[in-house]
Amino acid sequence: MNTSIEIDIIIASYAQNDHLKGTTLNAIYSLMASEDPEYIKFNLIVLESEQSIAPYQYPHSKTIYPEKPFGYHRYMNIGIRMTCAAFICICNNDLVFHSGWASEILKPFYQYSYVSSASPFCSIHHTKIGLKASDGMLVGARIRKELAGWCIFFKRDLLRYIGMLDENYIFWCADNDYANTLAVLGYTHVLVTGSIVDHLESKTLTNQTEERQEELTYKETDYFIKKWYPKIGEGWKEID
């Protein structure tokens, strides 16, 4: 592995209150403490939905306040277009990055040419479904199993073949769509169980009104169904 590897980290944030702002800050502090910057450099973009705190800049980042309404893939695409590193990691803000997570998640990309995409292991969620940390590389793209939608790490070159992320999704089903796109085009995703990034589970979502939560979750399935369900019988990724 070459030294001084750059990774573009793109985080979606919604600092509606001090607690949610602190959630984003905690993610950033854990990220920056997780690796030796002499060997791994993080280029951090934060897409902040809360316009009232502009022009506040989160530490260690370039913070953007998009004029367009929130859409998870829409915001991720803004960050992707602003960056140029060979590796990209798209993230929720409710994450805790453990020491060495990036060094570990990079290993399969250098060891196996067929690996195009990966997720880190969550010691909170993945252990509950019977998976073990430091148990090797698990190939697959099952949602909330091998593919953790809260943290997806991939080669920038992958976008040359799959295109930019589908902006019709506001929040839910974005990871299902990504998984299906990899499947139909034959690209391999893996769960790297030695790379630990904990997900604190929907800290922002649960602060929304019931109506907004419905809009961001179950209503999202309509577009997903129209796009993918004709192929479900041939192995497409169902909604969990």
C-alpha atoms as a PDB file:
ATOM      1  CA  MET A   1       0.000   0.000   0.000  1.00  0.00           C
ATOM      2  CA  ASN A   2       1.337   3.416  -0.943  1.00  0.00           C
ATOM      3  CA  THR A   3       1.762   6.068   1.740  1.00  0.00           C
ATOM      4  CA  SER A   4      -0.207   9.320   1.933  1.00  0.00           C
ATOM      5  CA  ILE A   5      -3.455   7.920   0.607  1.00  0.00           C
ATOM      6  CA  GLU A   6      -6.253  10.461   0.234  1.00  0.00           C
ATOM      7  CA  ILE A   7      -9.872   9.605   1.001  1.00  0.00           C
ATOM      8  CA  ASP A   8     -12.788  11.935   0.313  1.00  0.00           C
ATOM      9  CA  ILE A   9     -15.253  11.754   3.208  1.00  0.00           C
ATOM     10  CA  ILE A  10     -18.728  13.171   2.555  1.00  0.00           C
ATOM     11  CA  ILE A  11     -21.068  13.576   5.521  1.00  0.00           C
ATOM     12  CA  ALA A  12     -24.717  14.658   5.482  1.00  0.00           C
ATOM     13  CA  SER A  13     -25.694  16.697   8.560  1.00  0.00           C
ATOM     14  CA  TYR A  14     -28.841  18.398   9.867  1.00  0.00           C
ATOM     15  CA  ALA A  15     -27.928  20.485  12.941  1.00  0.00           C
ATOM     16  CA  GLN A  16     -31.470  21.391  13.995  1.00  0.00           C
ATOM     17  CA  ASN A  17     -30.317  21.683  17.602  1.00  0.00           C
ATOM     18  CA  ASP A  18     -27.146  21.546  19.676  1.00  0.00           C
ATOM     19  CA  HIS A  19     -27.485  17.807  20.209  1.00  0.00           C
ATOM     20  CA  LEU A  20     -27.560  17.054  16.481  1.00  0.00           C
ATOM     21  CA  LYS A  21     -24.738  19.500  15.825  1.00  0.00           C
ATOM     22  CA  GLY A  22     -22.781  17.665  18.515  1.00  0.00           C
ATOM     23  CA  THR A  23     -23.515  14.348  16.771  1.00  0.00           C
ATOM     24  CA  THR A  24     -21.820  15.643  13.622  1.00  0.00           C
ATOM     25  CA  LEU A  25     -18.923  17.091  15.626  1.00  0.00           C
ATOM     26  CA  ASN A  26     -18.382  13.780  17.429  1.00  0.00           C
ATOM     27  CA  ALA A  27     -18.253  11.963  14.089  1.00  0.00           C
ATOM     28  CA  ILE A  28     -15.675  14.424  12.779  1.00  0.00           C
ATOM     29  CA  TYR A  29     -13.482  14.258  15.880  1.00  0.00           C
ATOM     30  CA  SER A  30     -13.495  10.449  15.868  1.00  0.00           C
ATOM     31  CA  LEU A  31     -12.719  10.459  12.129  1.00  0.00           C
ATOM     32  CA  MET A  32      -9.736  12.776  12.421  1.00  0.00           C
ATOM     33  CA  ALA A  33      -8.335  10.834  15.398  1.00  0.00           C
ATOM     34  CA  SER A  34      -8.693   7.471  13.671  1.00  0.00           C
ATOM     35  CA  GLU A  35      -5.637   7.533  11.376  1.00  0.00           C
ATOM     36  CA  ASP A  36      -2.122   8.963  11.169  1.00  0.00           C
ATOM     37  CA  PRO A  37      -2.435  11.896   8.711  1.00  0.00           C
ATOM     38  CA  GLU A  38       1.059  11.156   7.390  1.00  0.00           C
ATOM     39  CA  TYR A  39      -0.315   7.953   5.870  1.00  0.00           C
ATOM     40  CA  ILE A  40      -4.017   8.632   5.344  1.00  0.00           C
ATOM     41  CA  LYS A  41      -5.410  12.085   4.603  1.00  0.00           C
ATOM     42  CA  PHE A  42      -9.133  12.720   4.917  1.00  0.00           C
ATOM     43  CA  ASN A  43     -10.657  15.375   2.667  1.00  0.00           C
ATOM     44  CA  LEU A  44     -13.863  16.105   4.555  1.00  0.00           C
ATOM     45  CA  ILE A  45     -16.967  17.698   3.031  1.00  0.00           C
ATOM     46  CA  VAL A  46     -19.990  18.311   5.282  1.00  0.00           C
ATOM     47  CA  LEU A  47     -23.332  18.960   3.573  1.00  0.00           C
ATOM     48  CA  GLU A  48     -25.320  20.850   6.207  1.00  0.00           C
ATOM     49  CA  SER A  49     -29.098  21.174   5.816  1.00  0.00           C
ATOM     50  CA  GLU A  50     -29.584  23.645   8.680  1.00  0.00           C
ATOM     51  CA  GLN A  51     -29.232  27.001   6.915  1.00  0.00           C
ATOM     52  CA  SER A  52     -29.567  29.020  10.118  1.00  0.00           C
ATOM     53  CA  ILE A  53     -26.051  28.134  11.299  1.00  0.00           C
ATOM     54  CA  ALA A  54     -24.366  29.286   8.064  1.00  0.00           C
ATOM     55  CA  PRO A  55     -21.584  30.232   7.493  1.00  0.00           C
ATOM     56  CA  TYR A  56     -20.346  28.021  10.350  1.00  0.00           C
ATOM     57  CA  GLN A  57     -17.592  25.667   9.244  1.00  0.00           C
ATOM     58  CA  TYR A  58     -17.202  22.346  11.019  1.00  0.00           C
ATOM     59  CA  PRO A  59     -13.594  21.709  12.071  1.00  0.00           C
ATOM     60  CA  HIS A  60     -11.296  19.899   9.624  1.00  0.00           C
ATOM     61  CA  SER A  61     -13.883  20.327   6.875  1.00  0.00           C
ATOM     62  CA  LYS A  62     -15.303  22.336   4.046  1.00  0.00           C
ATOM     63  CA  THR A  63     -18.914  22.859   5.070  1.00  0.00           C
ATOM     64  CA  ILE A  64     -21.472  23.432   2.326  1.00  0.00           C
ATOM     65  CA  TYR A  65     -25.027  24.746   2.734  1.00  0.00           C
ATOM     66  CA  PRO A  66     -26.775  23.557  -0.433  1.00  0.00           C
ATOM     67  CA  GLU A  67     -29.530  25.735  -1.889  1.00  0.00           C
ATOM     68  CA  LYS A  68     -31.370  22.663  -3.132  1.00  0.00           C
ATOM     69  CA  PRO A  69     -33.691  20.769  -0.743  1.00  0.00           C
ATOM     70  CA  PHE A  70     -32.283  17.761   1.071  1.00  0.00           C
ATOM     71  CA  GLY A  71     -31.890  14.485  -0.750  1.00  0.00           C
ATOM     72  CA  TYR A  72     -29.307  11.999   0.512  1.00  0.00           C
ATOM     73  CA  HIS A  73     -28.022  11.091  -2.945  1.00  0.00           C
ATOM     74  CA  ARG A  74     -28.383  14.683  -4.148  1.00  0.00           C
ATOM     75  CA  TYR A  75     -26.148  15.904  -1.320  1.00  0.00           C
ATOM     76  CA  MET A  76     -23.682  13.053  -1.735  1.00  0.00           C
ATOM     77  CA  ASN A  77     -23.369  13.893  -5.445  1.00  0.00           C
ATOM     78  CA  ILE A  78     -22.599  17.531  -4.574  1.00  0.00           C
ATOM     79  CA  GLY A  79     -19.740  16.338  -2.373  1.00  0.00           C
ATOM     80  CA  ILE A  80     -18.520  13.823  -4.934  1.00  0.00           C
ATOM     81  CA  ARG A  81     -18.336  16.526  -7.620  1.00  0.00           C
ATOM     82  CA  MET A  82     -16.316  18.764  -5.305  1.00  0.00           C
ATOM     83  CA  THR A  83     -13.635  16.147  -4.666  1.00  0.00           C
ATOM     84  CA  CYS A  84     -11.152  14.103  -6.669  1.00  0.00           C
ATOM     85  CA  ALA A  85      -9.465  11.433  -4.514  1.00  0.00           C
ATOM     86  CA  ALA A  86      -9.336   7.841  -5.755  1.00  0.00           C
ATOM     87  CA  PHE A  87     -11.478   6.664  -2.811  1.00  0.00           C
ATOM     88  CA  ILE A  88     -14.795   8.097  -1.610  1.00  0.00           C
ATOM     89  CA  CYS A  89     -16.724   7.386   1.572  1.00  0.00           C
ATOM     90  CA  ILE A  90     -20.333   8.607   1.861  1.00  0.00           C
ATOM     91  CA  CYS A  91     -21.591   8.799   5.425  1.00  0.00           C
ATOM     92  CA  ASN A  92     -24.368   9.599   7.850  1.00  0.00           C
ATOM     93  CA  ASN A  93     -23.401  11.991  10.605  1.00  0.00           C
ATOM     94  CA  ASP A  94     -24.298   9.612  13.457  1.00  0.00           C
ATOM     95  CA  LEU A  95     -21.101   7.573  13.240  1.00  0.00           C
ATOM     96  CA  VAL A  96     -18.119   6.835  15.463  1.00  0.00           C
ATOM     97  CA  PHE A  97     -14.942   5.966  13.554  1.00  0.00           C
ATOM     98  CA  HIS A  98     -12.603   3.592  15.391  1.00  0.00           C
ATOM     99  CA  SER A  99      -8.828   3.656  15.191  1.00  0.00           C
ATOM    100  CA  GLY A 100      -7.466   2.161  11.965  1.00  0.00           C
ATOM    101  CA  TRP A 101     -10.857   1.777  10.262  1.00  0.00           C
ATOM    102  CA  ALA A 102      -9.639   3.296   6.987  1.00  0.00           C
ATOM    103  CA  SER A 103      -6.385   1.332   6.913  1.00  0.00           C
ATOM    104  CA  GLU A 104      -8.411  -1.853   7.279  1.00  0.00           C
ATOM    105  CA  ILE A 105     -11.109  -1.040   4.744  1.00  0.00           C
ATOM    106  CA  LEU A 106      -8.460  -0.196   2.136  1.00  0.00           C
ATOM    107  CA  LYS A 107      -6.799  -3.621   2.345  1.00  0.00           C
ATOM    108  CA  PRO A 108      -9.233  -5.610   0.154  1.00  0.00           C
ATOM    109  CA  PHE A 109      -9.101  -2.923  -2.545  1.00  0.00           C
ATOM    110  CA  TYR A 110      -5.349  -3.490  -2.854  1.00  0.00           C
ATOM    111  CA  GLN A 111      -5.495  -7.256  -2.390  1.00  0.00           C
ATOM    112  CA  TYR A 112      -8.372  -8.077  -4.757  1.00  0.00           C
ATOM    113  CA  SER A 113      -8.830  -6.231  -8.033  1.00  0.00           C
ATOM    114  CA  TYR A 114     -12.509  -7.226  -8.208  1.00  0.00           C
ATOM    115  CA  VAL A 115     -13.486  -5.309  -5.045  1.00  0.00           C
ATOM    116  CA  SER A 116     -15.114  -2.001  -5.979  1.00  0.00           C
ATOM    117  CA  SER A 117     -17.153  -1.122  -2.895  1.00  0.00           C
ATOM    118  CA  ALA A 118     -17.153  -1.844   0.843  1.00  0.00           C
ATOM    119  CA  SER A 119     -18.744  -1.078   4.178  1.00  0.00           C
ATOM    120  CA  PRO A 120     -17.136  -1.139   7.629  1.00  0.00           C
ATOM    121  CA  PHE A 121     -18.343  -3.308  10.505  1.00  0.00           C
ATOM    122  CA  CYS A 122     -20.632  -1.794  13.159  1.00  0.00           C
ATOM    123  CA  SER A 123     -19.948  -3.305  16.571  1.00  0.00           C
ATOM    124  CA  ILE A 124     -23.442  -2.260  17.674  1.00  0.00           C
ATOM    125  CA  HIS A 125     -25.562  -3.517  14.772  1.00  0.00           C
ATOM    126  CA  HIS A 126     -23.611  -6.319  13.129  1.00  0.00           C
ATOM    127  CA  THR A 127     -22.995  -8.213  16.351  1.00  0.00           C
ATOM    128  CA  LYS A 128     -26.779  -8.243  16.966  1.00  0.00           C
ATOM    129  CA  ILE A 129     -27.321 -10.118  13.690  1.00  0.00           C
ATOM    130  CA  GLY A 130     -24.671 -12.720  14.469  1.00  0.00           C
ATOM    131  CA  LEU A 131     -21.639 -11.353  12.633  1.00  0.00           C
ATOM    132  CA  LYS A 132     -18.218 -11.111  14.260  1.00  0.00           C
ATOM    133  CA  ALA A 133     -15.620  -8.373  14.180  1.00  0.00           C
ATOM    134  CA  SER A 134     -12.219  -9.190  12.647  1.00  0.00           C
ATOM    135  CA  ASP A 135     -13.709 -12.194  10.862  1.00  0.00           C
ATOM    136  CA  GLY A 136     -12.331 -11.474   7.415  1.00  0.00           C
ATOM    137  CA  MET A 137     -14.004 -10.040   4.337  1.00  0.00           C
ATOM    138  CA  LEU A 138     -17.622 -10.967   3.616  1.00  0.00           C
ATOM    139  CA  VAL A 139     -18.724 -10.689  -0.003  1.00  0.00           C
ATOM    140  CA  GLY A 140     -22.302  -9.591  -0.627  1.00  0.00           C
ATOM    141  CA  ALA A 141     -24.615  -6.595  -0.808  1.00  0.00           C
ATOM    142  CA  ARG A 142     -27.501  -7.446   1.510  1.00  0.00           C
ATOM    143  CA  ILE A 143     -28.864  -4.286   3.120  1.00  0.00           C
ATOM    144  CA  ARG A 144     -27.852  -3.846   6.791  1.00  0.00           C
ATOM    145  CA  LYS A 145     -25.723  -6.949   6.451  1.00  0.00           C
ATOM    146  CA  GLU A 146     -22.737  -6.641   4.085  1.00  0.00           C
ATOM    147  CA  LEU A 147     -23.928  -3.281   2.789  1.00  0.00           C
ATOM    148  CA  ALA A 148     -24.287  -0.724   5.568  1.00  0.00           C
ATOM    149  CA  GLY A 149     -26.045   2.242   3.990  1.00  0.00           C
ATOM    150  CA  TRP A 150     -24.819   4.589   6.720  1.00  0.00           C
ATOM    151  CA  CYS A 151     -21.208   4.220   5.519  1.00  0.00           C
ATOM    152  CA  ILE A 152     -20.291   3.176   1.964  1.00  0.00           C
ATOM    153  CA  PHE A 153     -16.691   3.271   0.763  1.00  0.00           C
ATOM    154  CA  PHE A 154     -15.882   2.871  -2.939  1.00  0.00           C
ATOM    155  CA  LYS A 155     -13.441   3.537  -5.749  1.00  0.00           C
ATOM    156  CA  ARG A 156     -14.118   6.781  -7.589  1.00  0.00           C
ATOM    157  CA  ASP A 157     -13.599   4.887 -10.856  1.00  0.00           C
ATOM    158  CA  LEU A 158     -16.747   2.910 -10.058  1.00  0.00           C
ATOM    159  CA  LEU A 159     -18.816   5.989 -10.917  1.00  0.00           C
ATOM    160  CA  ARG A 160     -17.559   5.849 -14.508  1.00  0.00           C
ATOM    161  CA  TYR A 161     -19.553   2.652 -14.914  1.00  0.00           C
ATOM    162  CA  ILE A 162     -22.556   2.979 -12.594  1.00  0.00           C
ATOM    163  CA  GLY A 163     -23.076   6.735 -13.027  1.00  0.00           C
ATOM    164  CA  MET A 164     -23.753   9.243 -10.277  1.00  0.00           C
ATOM    165  CA  LEU A 165     -26.098   8.298  -7.427  1.00  0.00           C
ATOM    166  CA  ASP A 166     -29.820   8.339  -8.271  1.00  0.00           C
ATOM    167  CA  GLU A 167     -31.186  11.613  -6.888  1.00  0.00           C
ATOM    168  CA  ASN A 168     -34.818  10.495  -6.958  1.00  0.00           C
ATOM    169  CA  TYR A 169     -34.281   9.080  -3.461  1.00  0.00           C
ATOM    170  CA  ILE A 170     -34.536  11.513  -0.571  1.00  0.00           C
ATOM    171  CA  PHE A 171     -33.456   9.097   2.168  1.00  0.00           C
ATOM    172  CA  TRP A 172     -34.787   5.530   2.416  1.00  0.00           C
ATOM    173  CA  CYS A 173     -34.052   3.029  -0.363  1.00  0.00           C
ATOM    174  CA  ALA A 174     -30.920   4.889  -1.452  1.00  0.00           C
ATOM    175  CA  ASP A 175     -28.784   1.977  -0.240  1.00  0.00           C
ATOM    176  CA  ASN A 176     -31.144  -0.578  -1.845  1.00  0.00           C
ATOM    177  CA  ASP A 177     -30.800   1.235  -5.158  1.00  0.00           C
ATOM    178  CA  TYR A 178     -27.001   1.310  -4.854  1.00  0.00           C
ATOM    179  CA  ALA A 179     -26.943  -2.426  -4.089  1.00  0.00           C
ATOM    180  CA  ASN A 180     -29.156  -3.235  -7.065  1.00  0.00           C
ATOM    181  CA  THR A 181     -27.043  -1.099  -9.379  1.00  0.00           C
ATOM    182  CA  LEU A 182     -23.900  -2.967  -8.324  1.00  0.00           C
ATOM    183  CA  ALA A 183     -25.691  -6.286  -8.827  1.00  0.00           C
ATOM    184  CA  VAL A 184     -26.996  -5.603 -12.329  1.00  0.00           C
ATOM    185  CA  LEU A 185     -23.607  -4.324 -13.489  1.00  0.00           C
ATOM    186  CA  GLY A 186     -21.597  -7.069 -11.799  1.00  0.00           C
ATOM    187  CA  TYR A 187     -19.554  -5.081  -9.274  1.00  0.00           C
ATOM    188  CA  THR A 188     -18.486  -6.579  -5.952  1.00  0.00           C
ATOM    189  CA  HIS A 189     -19.273  -5.110  -2.529  1.00  0.00           C
ATOM    190  CA  VAL A 190     -17.772  -6.450   0.710  1.00  0.00           C
ATOM    191  CA  LEU A 191     -18.157  -6.022   4.448  1.00  0.00           C
ATOM    192  CA  VAL A 192     -14.717  -5.516   6.006  1.00  0.00           C
ATOM    193  CA  THR A 193     -15.130  -6.869   9.520  1.00  0.00           C
ATOM    194  CA  GLY A 194     -11.759  -5.558  10.680  1.00  0.00           C
ATOM    195  CA  SER A 195     -12.795  -1.981   9.907  1.00  0.00           C
ATOM    196  CA  ILE A 196     -14.964  -0.649  12.735  1.00  0.00           C
ATOM    197  CA  VAL A 197     -17.339   2.298  12.326  1.00  0.00           C
ATOM    198  CA  ASP A 198     -20.250   2.338  14.751  1.00  0.00           C
ATOM    199  CA  HIS A 199     -23.656   3.635  13.691  1.00  0.00           C
ATOM    200  CA  LEU A 200     -25.700   5.338  16.407  1.00  0.00           C
ATOM    201  CA  GLU A 201     -28.979   4.640  14.535  1.00  0.00           C
ATOM    202  CA  SER A 202     -31.053   7.476  13.092  1.00  0.00           C
ATOM    203  CA  LYS A 203     -30.203  10.293  15.488  1.00  0.00           C
ATOM    204  CA  THR A 204     -31.437  12.883  12.972  1.00  0.00           C
ATOM    205  CA  LEU A 205     -34.439  10.962  11.642  1.00  0.00           C
ATOM    206  CA  THR A 206     -36.017  10.497  15.069  1.00  0.00           C
ATOM    207  CA  ASN A 207     -35.932  14.269  15.631  1.00  0.00           C
ATOM    208  CA  GLN A 208     -38.316  14.869  12.695  1.00  0.00           C
ATOM    209  CA  THR A 209     -42.095  15.135  12.830  1.00  0.00           C
ATOM    210  CA  GLU A 210     -44.074  11.955  12.185  1.00  0.00           C
ATOM    211  CA  GLU A 211     -45.165  13.346   8.810  1.00  0.00           C
ATOM    212  CA  ARG A 212     -41.578  14.109   7.785  1.00  0.00           C
ATOM    213  CA  GLN A 213     -40.391  10.682   8.965  1.00  0.00           C
ATOM    214  CA  GLU A 214     -43.079   9.068   6.807  1.00  0.00           C
ATOM    215  CA  GLU A 215     -41.978  11.153   3.821  1.00  0.00           C
ATOM    216  CA  LEU A 216     -38.325  10.178   4.297  1.00  0.00           C
ATOM    217  CA  THR A 217     -39.005   6.479   4.818  1.00  0.00           C
ATOM    218  CA  TYR A 218     -42.031   4.533   3.617  1.00  0.00           C
ATOM    219  CA  LYS A 219     -43.039   6.992   0.892  1.00  0.00           C
ATOM    220  CA  GLU A 220     -39.615   6.448  -0.652  1.00  0.00           C
ATOM    221  CA  THR A 221     -40.549   2.891  -1.549  1.00  0.00           C
ATOM    222  CA  ASP A 222     -42.903   4.021  -4.335  1.00  0.00           C
ATOM    223  CA  TYR A 223     -40.105   5.033  -6.680  1.00  0.00           C
ATOM    224  CA  PHE A 224     -38.007   2.028  -5.707  1.00  0.00           C
ATOM    225  CA  ILE A 225     -40.875  -0.314  -6.577  1.00  0.00           C
ATOM    226  CA  LYS A 226     -41.423   1.312  -9.967  1.00  0.00           C
ATOM    227  CA  LYS A 227     -37.731   1.104 -10.798  1.00  0.00           C
ATOM    228  CA  TRP A 228     -36.813  -2.350  -9.500  1.00  0.00           C
ATOM    229  CA  TYR A 229     -39.744  -4.611  -8.646  1.00  0.00           C
ATOM    230  CA  PRO A 230     -40.255  -5.946 -12.173  1.00  0.00           C
ATOM    231  CA  LYS A 231     -36.904  -7.676 -11.625  1.00  0.00           C
ATOM    232  CA  ILE A 232     -37.364  -8.875  -8.023  1.00  0.00           C
ATOM    233  CA  GLY A 233     -37.801 -12.462  -9.154  1.00  0.00           C
ATOM    234  CA  GLU A 234     -34.346 -12.381 -10.674  1.00  0.00           C
ATOM    235  CA  GLY A 235     -32.557 -11.576  -7.440  1.00  0.00           C
ATOM    236  CA  TRP A 236     -32.941  -7.845  -6.794  1.00  0.00           C
ATOM    237  CA  LYS A 237     -32.462  -6.564  -3.276  1.00  0.00           C
ATOM    238  CA  GLU A 238     -35.761  -6.376  -1.405  1.00  0.00           C
ATOM    239  CA  ILE A 239     -36.494  -3.539   0.987  1.00  0.00           C
ATOM    240  CA  ASP A 240     -35.809  -4.578   4.597  1.00  0.00           C
END
